[in-house]
Amino acid sequence: MSTSSAIEGRVQNSLVEKSTQSLEAGIGGASTNDDTEEESAVKVAEEGGDADMISPLLTSVGVNLKLSESPLMGTVFTRNNDDVGEISIHFDKKVGCYVSYEYDGYSSIKLDDGTAISKRMFFTEQTFDPDERKFTGVTDYGGIWEGDISERYEMTFDTQFLSVLSGKRFYIKENGEKKTVDTYGEDCFYTNTRLETMNEDTEKRLRGEGASEKSIEPVLKEFRKQKLKQKLVKTQAELAKKMRQTTLFLENSREAYLSRTIRRLE
């Protein structure tokens, strides 16, 4: 079994145990079926998913219904100005929701026992409040990492899900003690990699919804890039039109000149 499988296997065992306890206590939750779960995992793998990268949430207790129907699904949020894979957050419809450590620079990071960290840390607990647009999730390391066993994410998004307006990330120790690592909007920000819904009113709307300067800047930067790209495309189209007009004029002038020359020779 691969290191990644070992880590996520421990997470999955923990999830199944929690799901069973909830069902026995009569606290909602989706019923499970081993055959259905196995078929689901195989289907994801057949569609291009990595067998070691399938969320325990898809193969045991299912994705939170409100989250699965939210605009978050299918999006990726990058941290600060980093690339995808550098603690980016993925709300993936096929394999589940996870934090990505797939950047090559993280390959040398180990848990306290020397085990490599999982490249994809799936959320073992996750909820979404559509009214407040608030996502809450916990990632379990599957071991101890510098004295901590998991992380908790609390993120509130703007109305168009372009940016994280507020929230925090915590390190959690075995005894439940929490330590704040990031405060979103202040010392850390997350931005949607797809910003097609931006327009001239986006900045004003984000400010009105409480977005900080740090959260707004990457959105505006991308908006300016899109505007510049549109301007360049327009300029190129205008230049191409002028070139066609100039070419046509030169061809007509050449034909007129040849006609006059022929008449004089005759």
C-alpha atoms as a PDB file:
ATOM      1  CA  MET A   1       0.000   0.000   0.000  1.00  0.00           C
ATOM      2  CA  SER A   2       1.319   3.461  -0.874  1.00  0.00           C
ATOM      3  CA  THR A   3       2.078   6.015   1.809  1.00  0.00           C
ATOM      4  CA  SER A   4      -0.789   8.188   0.542  1.00  0.00           C
ATOM      5  CA  SER A   5      -3.167   5.203   0.704  1.00  0.00           C
ATOM      6  CA  ALA A   6      -2.067   4.417   4.260  1.00  0.00           C
ATOM      7  CA  ILE A   7      -2.772   7.949   5.450  1.00  0.00           C
ATOM      8  CA  GLU A   8      -6.132   8.220   3.717  1.00  0.00           C
ATOM      9  CA  GLY A   9      -7.025   4.674   4.823  1.00  0.00           C
ATOM     10  CA  ARG A  10      -6.724   5.705   8.456  1.00  0.00           C
ATOM     11  CA  VAL A  11      -8.886   8.748   7.730  1.00  0.00           C
ATOM     12  CA  GLN A  12     -11.501   6.577   6.032  1.00  0.00           C
ATOM     13  CA  ASN A  13     -11.611   4.111   8.955  1.00  0.00           C
ATOM     14  CA  SER A  14     -12.183   7.026  11.313  1.00  0.00           C
ATOM     15  CA  LEU A  15     -14.987   8.348   9.114  1.00  0.00           C
ATOM     16  CA  VAL A  16     -16.769   5.014   8.869  1.00  0.00           C
ATOM     17  CA  GLU A  17     -16.647   4.670  12.663  1.00  0.00           C
ATOM     18  CA  LYS A  18     -18.123   8.163  13.116  1.00  0.00           C
ATOM     19  CA  SER A  19     -20.839   7.437  10.546  1.00  0.00           C
ATOM     20  CA  THR A  20     -21.797   4.190  12.320  1.00  0.00           C
ATOM     21  CA  GLN A  21     -21.995   5.937  15.692  1.00  0.00           C
ATOM     22  CA  SER A  22     -24.228   8.657  14.232  1.00  0.00           C
ATOM     23  CA  LEU A  23     -26.578   6.110  12.688  1.00  0.00           C
ATOM     24  CA  GLU A  24     -26.835   4.136  15.948  1.00  0.00           C
ATOM     25  CA  ALA A  25     -27.612   7.319  17.844  1.00  0.00           C
ATOM     26  CA  GLY A  26     -30.368   8.181  15.382  1.00  0.00           C
ATOM     27  CA  ILE A  27     -28.654  11.319  14.131  1.00  0.00           C
ATOM     28  CA  GLY A  28     -29.388  11.476  10.393  1.00  0.00           C
ATOM     29  CA  GLY A  29     -26.723  10.550   7.862  1.00  0.00           C
ATOM     30  CA  ALA A  30     -26.692   8.561   4.674  1.00  0.00           C
ATOM     31  CA  SER A  31     -26.947   4.786   4.880  1.00  0.00           C
ATOM     32  CA  THR A  32     -24.026   2.934   3.387  1.00  0.00           C
ATOM     33  CA  ASN A  33     -23.767  -0.112   1.163  1.00  0.00           C
ATOM     34  CA  ASP A  34     -20.414  -1.799   0.600  1.00  0.00           C
ATOM     35  CA  ASP A  35     -21.215  -2.799  -2.978  1.00  0.00           C
ATOM     36  CA  THR A  36     -22.407   0.725  -3.867  1.00  0.00           C
ATOM     37  CA  GLU A  37     -19.353   2.304  -2.275  1.00  0.00           C
ATOM     38  CA  GLU A  38     -16.986  -0.004  -4.150  1.00  0.00           C
ATOM     39  CA  GLU A  39     -18.765   0.678  -7.436  1.00  0.00           C
ATOM     40  CA  SER A  40     -18.561   4.414  -6.764  1.00  0.00           C
ATOM     41  CA  ALA A  41     -14.813   4.212  -6.163  1.00  0.00           C
ATOM     42  CA  VAL A  42     -14.283   2.126  -9.297  1.00  0.00           C
ATOM     43  CA  LYS A  43     -16.341   4.569 -11.359  1.00  0.00           C
ATOM     44  CA  VAL A  44     -14.226   7.523 -10.211  1.00  0.00           C
ATOM     45  CA  ALA A  45     -11.050   5.611 -11.002  1.00  0.00           C
ATOM     46  CA  GLU A  46     -12.361   4.667 -14.453  1.00  0.00           C
ATOM     47  CA  GLU A  47     -13.133   8.307 -15.165  1.00  0.00           C
ATOM     48  CA  GLY A  48      -9.518   9.249 -14.616  1.00  0.00           C
ATOM     49  CA  GLY A  49      -9.347   9.508 -10.829  1.00  0.00           C
ATOM     50  CA  ASP A  50      -6.422   8.082  -8.889  1.00  0.00           C
ATOM     51  CA  ALA A  51      -7.472   5.104  -6.730  1.00  0.00           C
ATOM     52  CA  ASP A  52      -5.329   6.536  -3.915  1.00  0.00           C
ATOM     53  CA  MET A  53      -6.853   9.982  -4.372  1.00  0.00           C
ATOM     54  CA  ILE A  54     -10.554   9.205  -3.864  1.00  0.00           C
ATOM     55  CA  SER A  55     -12.181  11.064  -1.005  1.00  0.00           C
ATOM     56  CA  PRO A  56     -13.344   8.916   1.919  1.00  0.00           C
ATOM     57  CA  LEU A  57     -16.469  11.073   1.843  1.00  0.00           C
ATOM     58  CA  LEU A  58     -17.417   9.663  -1.544  1.00  0.00           C
ATOM     59  CA  THR A  59     -16.800   6.059  -0.556  1.00  0.00           C
ATOM     60  CA  SER A  60     -18.388   6.067   2.902  1.00  0.00           C
ATOM     61  CA  VAL A  61     -20.770   8.748   4.118  1.00  0.00           C
ATOM     62  CA  GLY A  62     -21.312  10.932   1.041  1.00  0.00           C
ATOM     63  CA  VAL A  63     -20.838  14.657   0.453  1.00  0.00           C
ATOM     64  CA  ASN A  64     -22.910  17.110   2.490  1.00  0.00           C
ATOM     65  CA  LEU A  65     -26.084  17.700   0.434  1.00  0.00           C
ATOM     66  CA  LYS A  66     -26.082  21.492   0.783  1.00  0.00           C
ATOM     67  CA  LEU A  67     -22.431  21.603  -0.237  1.00  0.00           C
ATOM     68  CA  SER A  68     -22.903  19.285  -3.220  1.00  0.00           C
ATOM     69  CA  GLU A  69     -25.611  21.599  -4.569  1.00  0.00           C
ATOM     70  CA  SER A  70     -23.698  24.810  -3.895  1.00  0.00           C
ATOM     71  CA  PRO A  71     -21.845  27.032  -6.415  1.00  0.00           C
ATOM     72  CA  LEU A  72     -18.610  25.938  -4.699  1.00  0.00           C
ATOM     73  CA  MET A  73     -18.621  22.539  -6.350  1.00  0.00           C
ATOM     74  CA  GLY A  74     -16.342  22.455  -9.363  1.00  0.00           C
ATOM     75  CA  THR A  75     -14.205  25.368  -8.165  1.00  0.00           C
ATOM     76  CA  VAL A  76     -10.578  25.701  -7.042  1.00  0.00           C
ATOM     77  CA  PHE A  77      -9.321  28.413  -4.695  1.00  0.00           C
ATOM     78  CA  THR A  78      -5.632  29.312  -4.596  1.00  0.00           C
ATOM     79  CA  ARG A  79      -3.905  30.634  -1.489  1.00  0.00           C
ATOM     80  CA  ASN A  80      -2.387  34.127  -1.613  1.00  0.00           C
ATOM     81  CA  ASN A  81      -0.578  34.445  -4.959  1.00  0.00           C
ATOM     82  CA  ASP A  82       0.518  30.804  -5.015  1.00  0.00           C
ATOM     83  CA  ASP A  83      -0.169  28.207  -7.686  1.00  0.00           C
ATOM     84  CA  VAL A  84      -2.624  25.330  -7.668  1.00  0.00           C
ATOM     85  CA  GLY A  85      -1.175  22.584  -5.474  1.00  0.00           C
ATOM     86  CA  GLU A  86       0.274  24.973  -2.903  1.00  0.00           C
ATOM     87  CA  ILE A  87      -2.357  24.466  -0.178  1.00  0.00           C
ATOM     88  CA  SER A  88      -5.079  25.217  -2.725  1.00  0.00           C
ATOM     89  CA  ILE A  89      -8.631  24.153  -1.854  1.00  0.00           C
ATOM     90  CA  HIS A  90     -10.529  21.981  -4.331  1.00  0.00           C
ATOM     91  CA  PHE A  91     -14.287  21.456  -4.320  1.00  0.00           C
ATOM     92  CA  ASP A  92     -14.191  18.538  -6.745  1.00  0.00           C
ATOM     93  CA  LYS A  93     -17.435  16.960  -7.939  1.00  0.00           C
ATOM     94  CA  LYS A  94     -15.813  13.626  -8.788  1.00  0.00           C
ATOM     95  CA  VAL A  95     -13.364  12.815  -5.999  1.00  0.00           C
ATOM     96  CA  GLY A  96     -14.531  15.102  -3.191  1.00  0.00           C
ATOM     97  CA  CYS A  97     -13.277  18.221  -1.437  1.00  0.00           C
ATOM     98  CA  TYR A  98      -9.662  18.473  -0.363  1.00  0.00           C
ATOM     99  CA  VAL A  99      -6.620  20.651   0.314  1.00  0.00           C
ATOM    100  CA  SER A 100      -3.868  20.076  -2.239  1.00  0.00           C
ATOM    101  CA  TYR A 101      -0.229  19.652  -1.287  1.00  0.00           C
ATOM    102  CA  GLU A 102       0.666  18.387  -4.769  1.00  0.00           C
ATOM    103  CA  TYR A 103       3.321  21.037  -5.369  1.00  0.00           C
ATOM    104  CA  ASP A 104       6.713  19.340  -5.769  1.00  0.00           C
ATOM    105  CA  GLY A 105       8.207  21.433  -2.983  1.00  0.00           C
ATOM    106  CA  TYR A 106       6.035  19.622  -0.427  1.00  0.00           C
ATOM    107  CA  SER A 107       7.291  16.141  -1.354  1.00  0.00           C
ATOM    108  CA  SER A 108       9.922  16.205   1.402  1.00  0.00           C
ATOM    109  CA  ILE A 109       7.476  17.101   4.198  1.00  0.00           C
ATOM    110  CA  LYS A 110       6.968  14.262   6.689  1.00  0.00           C
ATOM    111  CA  LEU A 111       4.721  13.505   9.639  1.00  0.00           C
ATOM    112  CA  ASP A 112       6.423  13.136  13.027  1.00  0.00           C
ATOM    113  CA  ASP A 113       6.804   9.381  12.477  1.00  0.00           C
ATOM    114  CA  GLY A 114       8.586   9.917   9.150  1.00  0.00           C
ATOM    115  CA  THR A 115       5.566   9.124   6.991  1.00  0.00           C
ATOM    116  CA  ALA A 116       5.082  11.399   3.982  1.00  0.00           C
ATOM    117  CA  ILE A 117       2.057  13.698   4.145  1.00  0.00           C
ATOM    118  CA  SER A 118      -0.808  12.978   1.784  1.00  0.00           C
ATOM    119  CA  LYS A 119      -0.745  15.023  -1.421  1.00  0.00           C
ATOM    120  CA  ARG A 120      -4.483  15.479  -1.084  1.00  0.00           C
ATOM    121  CA  MET A 121      -5.863  16.001   2.402  1.00  0.00           C
ATOM    122  CA  PHE A 122      -9.578  15.333   2.102  1.00  0.00           C
ATOM    123  CA  PHE A 123     -12.066  16.990   4.404  1.00  0.00           C
ATOM    124  CA  THR A 124     -13.256  14.325   6.839  1.00  0.00           C
ATOM    125  CA  GLU A 125     -15.911  16.670   8.214  1.00  0.00           C
ATOM    126  CA  GLN A 126     -17.530  19.356   6.108  1.00  0.00           C
ATOM    127  CA  THR A 127     -20.621  21.532   6.266  1.00  0.00           C
ATOM    128  CA  PHE A 128     -21.927  24.415   4.193  1.00  0.00           C
ATOM    129  CA  ASP A 129     -24.412  27.094   5.240  1.00  0.00           C
ATOM    130  CA  PRO A 130     -25.950  28.498   2.019  1.00  0.00           C
ATOM    131  CA  ASP A 131     -27.475  31.486   3.799  1.00  0.00           C
ATOM    132  CA  GLU A 132     -24.167  32.670   5.252  1.00  0.00           C
ATOM    133  CA  ARG A 133     -22.120  31.128   2.402  1.00  0.00           C
ATOM    134  CA  LYS A 134     -19.918  29.584   5.072  1.00  0.00           C
ATOM    135  CA  PHE A 135     -17.888  26.417   4.562  1.00  0.00           C
ATOM    136  CA  THR A 136     -16.443  24.520   7.511  1.00  0.00           C
ATOM    137  CA  GLY A 137     -14.177  21.529   7.091  1.00  0.00           C
ATOM    138  CA  VAL A 138     -11.604  19.432   8.945  1.00  0.00           C
ATOM    139  CA  THR A 139      -8.601  17.695   7.380  1.00  0.00           C
ATOM    140  CA  ASP A 140      -7.091  14.785   9.300  1.00  0.00           C
ATOM    141  CA  TYR A 141      -3.342  14.207   8.865  1.00  0.00           C
ATOM    142  CA  GLY A 142      -3.659  10.490   9.584  1.00  0.00           C
ATOM    143  CA  GLY A 143      -0.884  10.917  12.137  1.00  0.00           C
ATOM    144  CA  ILE A 144       0.890  13.660  14.101  1.00  0.00           C
ATOM    145  CA  TRP A 145       2.454  16.584  12.253  1.00  0.00           C
ATOM    146  CA  GLU A 146       4.626  18.802  14.427  1.00  0.00           C
ATOM    147  CA  GLY A 147       2.406  18.005  17.399  1.00  0.00           C
ATOM    148  CA  ASP A 148      -0.903  18.514  15.586  1.00  0.00           C
ATOM    149  CA  ILE A 149      -3.353  15.900  14.262  1.00  0.00           C
ATOM    150  CA  SER A 150      -5.693  17.943  12.052  1.00  0.00           C
ATOM    151  CA  GLU A 151      -6.692  21.343  10.701  1.00  0.00           C
ATOM    152  CA  ARG A 152     -10.011  23.133  10.755  1.00  0.00           C
ATOM    153  CA  TYR A 153     -11.058  25.563   8.021  1.00  0.00           C
ATOM    154  CA  GLU A 154     -13.801  28.159   8.439  1.00  0.00           C
ATOM    155  CA  MET A 155     -14.417  30.217   5.289  1.00  0.00           C
ATOM    156  CA  THR A 156     -17.112  32.740   4.388  1.00  0.00           C
ATOM    157  CA  PHE A 157     -17.387  33.597   0.683  1.00  0.00           C
ATOM    158  CA  ASP A 158     -18.702  36.615  -1.212  1.00  0.00           C
ATOM    159  CA  THR A 159     -22.058  36.342  -2.994  1.00  0.00           C
ATOM    160  CA  GLN A 160     -20.468  35.311  -6.305  1.00  0.00           C
ATOM    161  CA  PHE A 161     -17.872  32.973  -4.740  1.00  0.00           C
ATOM    162  CA  LEU A 162     -14.884  34.829  -6.151  1.00  0.00           C
ATOM    163  CA  SER A 163     -13.079  35.297  -2.855  1.00  0.00           C
ATOM    164  CA  VAL A 164     -13.008  34.303   0.809  1.00  0.00           C
ATOM    165  CA  LEU A 165     -14.228  37.315   2.793  1.00  0.00           C
ATOM    166  CA  SER A 166     -13.395  36.077   6.264  1.00  0.00           C
ATOM    167  CA  GLY A 167     -12.660  33.056   8.400  1.00  0.00           C
ATOM    168  CA  LYS A 168      -9.765  31.201   9.984  1.00  0.00           C
ATOM    169  CA  ARG A 169      -7.618  28.088   9.783  1.00  0.00           C
ATOM    170  CA  PHE A 170      -6.683  26.268  12.985  1.00  0.00           C
ATOM    171  CA  TYR A 171      -4.157  23.618  13.965  1.00  0.00           C
ATOM    172  CA  ILE A 172      -5.724  21.057  16.309  1.00  0.00           C
ATOM    173  CA  LYS A 173      -3.781  18.952  18.836  1.00  0.00           C
ATOM    174  CA  GLU A 174      -4.728  15.547  20.225  1.00  0.00           C
ATOM    175  CA  ASN A 175      -6.232  17.141  23.348  1.00  0.00           C
ATOM    176  CA  GLY A 176      -8.473  19.365  21.185  1.00  0.00           C
ATOM    177  CA  GLU A 177      -6.442  22.521  21.737  1.00  0.00           C
ATOM    178  CA  LYS A 178      -6.689  24.870  18.746  1.00  0.00           C
ATOM    179  CA  LYS A 179      -4.174  27.380  17.417  1.00  0.00           C
ATOM    180  CA  THR A 180      -5.074  30.009  14.796  1.00  0.00           C
ATOM    181  CA  VAL A 181      -2.761  29.775  11.784  1.00  0.00           C
ATOM    182  CA  ASP A 182      -4.446  32.016   9.193  1.00  0.00           C
ATOM    183  CA  THR A 183      -7.018  34.773   9.447  1.00  0.00           C
ATOM    184  CA  TYR A 184      -8.580  35.155   6.030  1.00  0.00           C
ATOM    185  CA  GLY A 185      -8.717  38.679   4.694  1.00  0.00           C
ATOM    186  CA  GLU A 186      -5.922  39.799   7.021  1.00  0.00           C
ATOM    187  CA  ASP A 187      -2.788  37.670   6.714  1.00  0.00           C
ATOM    188  CA  CYS A 188      -4.065  35.197   4.131  1.00  0.00           C
ATOM    189  CA  PHE A 189      -6.511  35.196   1.226  1.00  0.00           C
ATOM    190  CA  TYR A 190      -8.068  32.647  -1.123  1.00  0.00           C
ATOM    191  CA  THR A 191      -9.208  33.465  -4.666  1.00  0.00           C
ATOM    192  CA  ASN A 192     -11.268  31.483  -7.159  1.00  0.00           C
ATOM    193  CA  THR A 193      -9.224  30.451 -10.200  1.00  0.00           C
ATOM    194  CA  ARG A 194     -12.263  31.146 -12.393  1.00  0.00           C
ATOM    195  CA  LEU A 195     -13.250  34.804 -12.382  1.00  0.00           C
ATOM    196  CA  GLU A 196     -15.432  35.036 -15.493  1.00  0.00           C
ATOM    197  CA  THR A 197     -18.284  36.732 -13.610  1.00  0.00           C
ATOM    198  CA  MET A 198     -16.266  39.883 -12.876  1.00  0.00           C
ATOM    199  CA  ASN A 199     -17.452  43.234 -14.207  1.00  0.00           C
ATOM    200  CA  GLU A 200     -17.026  46.957 -13.540  1.00  0.00           C
ATOM    201  CA  ASP A 201     -19.102  46.687 -10.350  1.00  0.00           C
ATOM    202  CA  THR A 202     -17.144  43.799  -8.820  1.00  0.00           C
ATOM    203  CA  GLU A 203     -14.806  45.941  -6.718  1.00  0.00           C
ATOM    204  CA  LYS A 204     -17.670  47.992  -5.287  1.00  0.00           C
ATOM    205  CA  ARG A 205     -19.680  44.855  -4.524  1.00  0.00           C
ATOM    206  CA  LEU A 206     -16.765  43.135  -2.775  1.00  0.00           C
ATOM    207  CA  ARG A 207     -16.067  46.194  -0.637  1.00  0.00           C
ATOM    208  CA  GLY A 208     -19.743  46.404   0.264  1.00  0.00           C
ATOM    209  CA  GLU A 209     -19.693  42.765   1.361  1.00  0.00           C
ATOM    210  CA  GLY A 210     -16.710  43.358   3.636  1.00  0.00           C
ATOM    211  CA  ALA A 211     -13.785  42.123   1.530  1.00  0.00           C
ATOM    212  CA  SER A 212     -10.364  43.382   2.635  1.00  0.00           C
ATOM    213  CA  GLU A 213      -7.814  45.050   0.372  1.00  0.00           C
ATOM    214  CA  LYS A 214      -5.756  41.832   0.365  1.00  0.00           C
ATOM    215  CA  SER A 215      -8.758  39.809  -0.777  1.00  0.00           C
ATOM    216  CA  ILE A 216      -9.797  42.314  -3.432  1.00  0.00           C
ATOM    217  CA  GLU A 217      -6.376  42.900  -5.001  1.00  0.00           C
ATOM    218  CA  PRO A 218      -5.958  39.502  -6.748  1.00  0.00           C
ATOM    219  CA  VAL A 219      -9.505  39.751  -8.116  1.00  0.00           C
ATOM    220  CA  LEU A 220      -8.851  43.243  -9.484  1.00  0.00           C
ATOM    221  CA  LYS A 221      -5.490  42.139 -10.861  1.00  0.00           C
ATOM    222  CA  GLU A 222      -7.180  39.378 -12.826  1.00  0.00           C
ATOM    223  CA  PHE A 223      -9.921  41.791 -13.943  1.00  0.00           C
ATOM    224  CA  ARG A 224      -7.290  44.217 -15.251  1.00  0.00           C
ATOM    225  CA  LYS A 225      -5.579  41.349 -17.083  1.00  0.00           C
ATOM    226  CA  GLN A 226      -8.865  40.376 -18.710  1.00  0.00           C
ATOM    227  CA  LYS A 227      -9.581  43.978 -19.706  1.00  0.00           C
ATOM    228  CA  LEU A 228      -6.082  44.308 -21.189  1.00  0.00           C
ATOM    229  CA  LYS A 229      -6.536  41.051 -23.073  1.00  0.00           C
ATOM    230  CA  GLN A 230      -9.862  42.267 -24.466  1.00  0.00           C
ATOM    231  CA  LYS A 231      -8.229  45.539 -25.502  1.00  0.00           C
ATOM    232  CA  LEU A 232      -5.372  43.695 -27.231  1.00  0.00           C
ATOM    233  CA  VAL A 233      -7.821  41.439 -29.078  1.00  0.00           C
ATOM    234  CA  LYS A 234      -9.787  44.503 -30.200  1.00  0.00           C
ATOM    235  CA  THR A 235      -6.611  46.294 -31.302  1.00  0.00           C
ATOM    236  CA  GLN A 236      -5.440  43.251 -33.248  1.00  0.00           C
ATOM    237  CA  ALA A 237      -8.828  43.025 -34.970  1.00  0.00           C
ATOM    238  CA  GLU A 238      -8.678  46.722 -35.915  1.00  0.00           C
ATOM    239  CA  LEU A 239      -5.118  46.355 -37.255  1.00  0.00           C
ATOM    240  CA  ALA A 240      -6.123  43.306 -39.269  1.00  0.00           C
ATOM    241  CA  LYS A 241      -9.044  45.257 -40.755  1.00  0.00           C
ATOM    242  CA  LYS A 242      -6.788  48.177 -41.693  1.00  0.00           C
ATOM    243  CA  MET A 243      -4.273  45.793 -43.259  1.00  0.00           C
ATOM    244  CA  ARG A 244      -7.010  44.220 -45.359  1.00  0.00           C
ATOM    245  CA  GLN A 245      -8.193  47.678 -46.441  1.00  0.00           C
ATOM    246  CA  THR A 246      -4.626  48.752 -47.286  1.00  0.00           C
ATOM    247  CA  THR A 247      -3.996  45.542 -49.248  1.00  0.00           C
ATOM    248  CA  LEU A 248      -7.226  46.034 -51.195  1.00  0.00           C
ATOM    249  CA  PHE A 249      -6.331  49.672 -51.913  1.00  0.00           C
ATOM    250  CA  LEU A 250      -2.859  48.707 -53.173  1.00  0.00           C
ATOM    251  CA  GLU A 251      -4.291  45.955 -55.365  1.00  0.00           C
ATOM    252  CA  ASN A 252      -6.857  48.351 -56.853  1.00  0.00           C
ATOM    253  CA  SER A 253      -4.189  51.005 -57.373  1.00  0.00           C
ATOM    254  CA  ARG A 254      -1.902  48.491 -59.089  1.00  0.00           C
ATOM    255  CA  GLU A 255      -4.680  47.361 -61.417  1.00  0.00           C
ATOM    256  CA  ALA A 256      -5.581  50.967 -62.240  1.00  0.00           C
ATOM    257  CA  TYR A 257      -1.939  51.787 -62.939  1.00  0.00           C
ATOM    258  CA  LEU A 258      -1.551  48.772 -65.239  1.00  0.00           C
ATOM    259  CA  SER A 259      -4.727  49.692 -67.110  1.00  0.00           C
ATOM    260  CA  ARG A 260      -3.509  53.242 -67.704  1.00  0.00           C
ATOM    261  CA  THR A 261      -0.092  52.007 -68.816  1.00  0.00           C
ATOM    262  CA  ILE A 262      -1.648  49.531 -71.303  1.00  0.00           C
ATOM    263  CA  ARG A 263      -3.879  52.223 -72.776  1.00  0.00           C
ATOM    264  CA  ARG A 264      -0.902  54.535 -73.334  1.00  0.00           C
ATOM    265  CA  LEU A 265       1.057  51.785 -75.062  1.00  0.00           C
ATOM    266  CA  GLU A 266      -1.863  51.072 -77.382  1.00  0.00           C
END
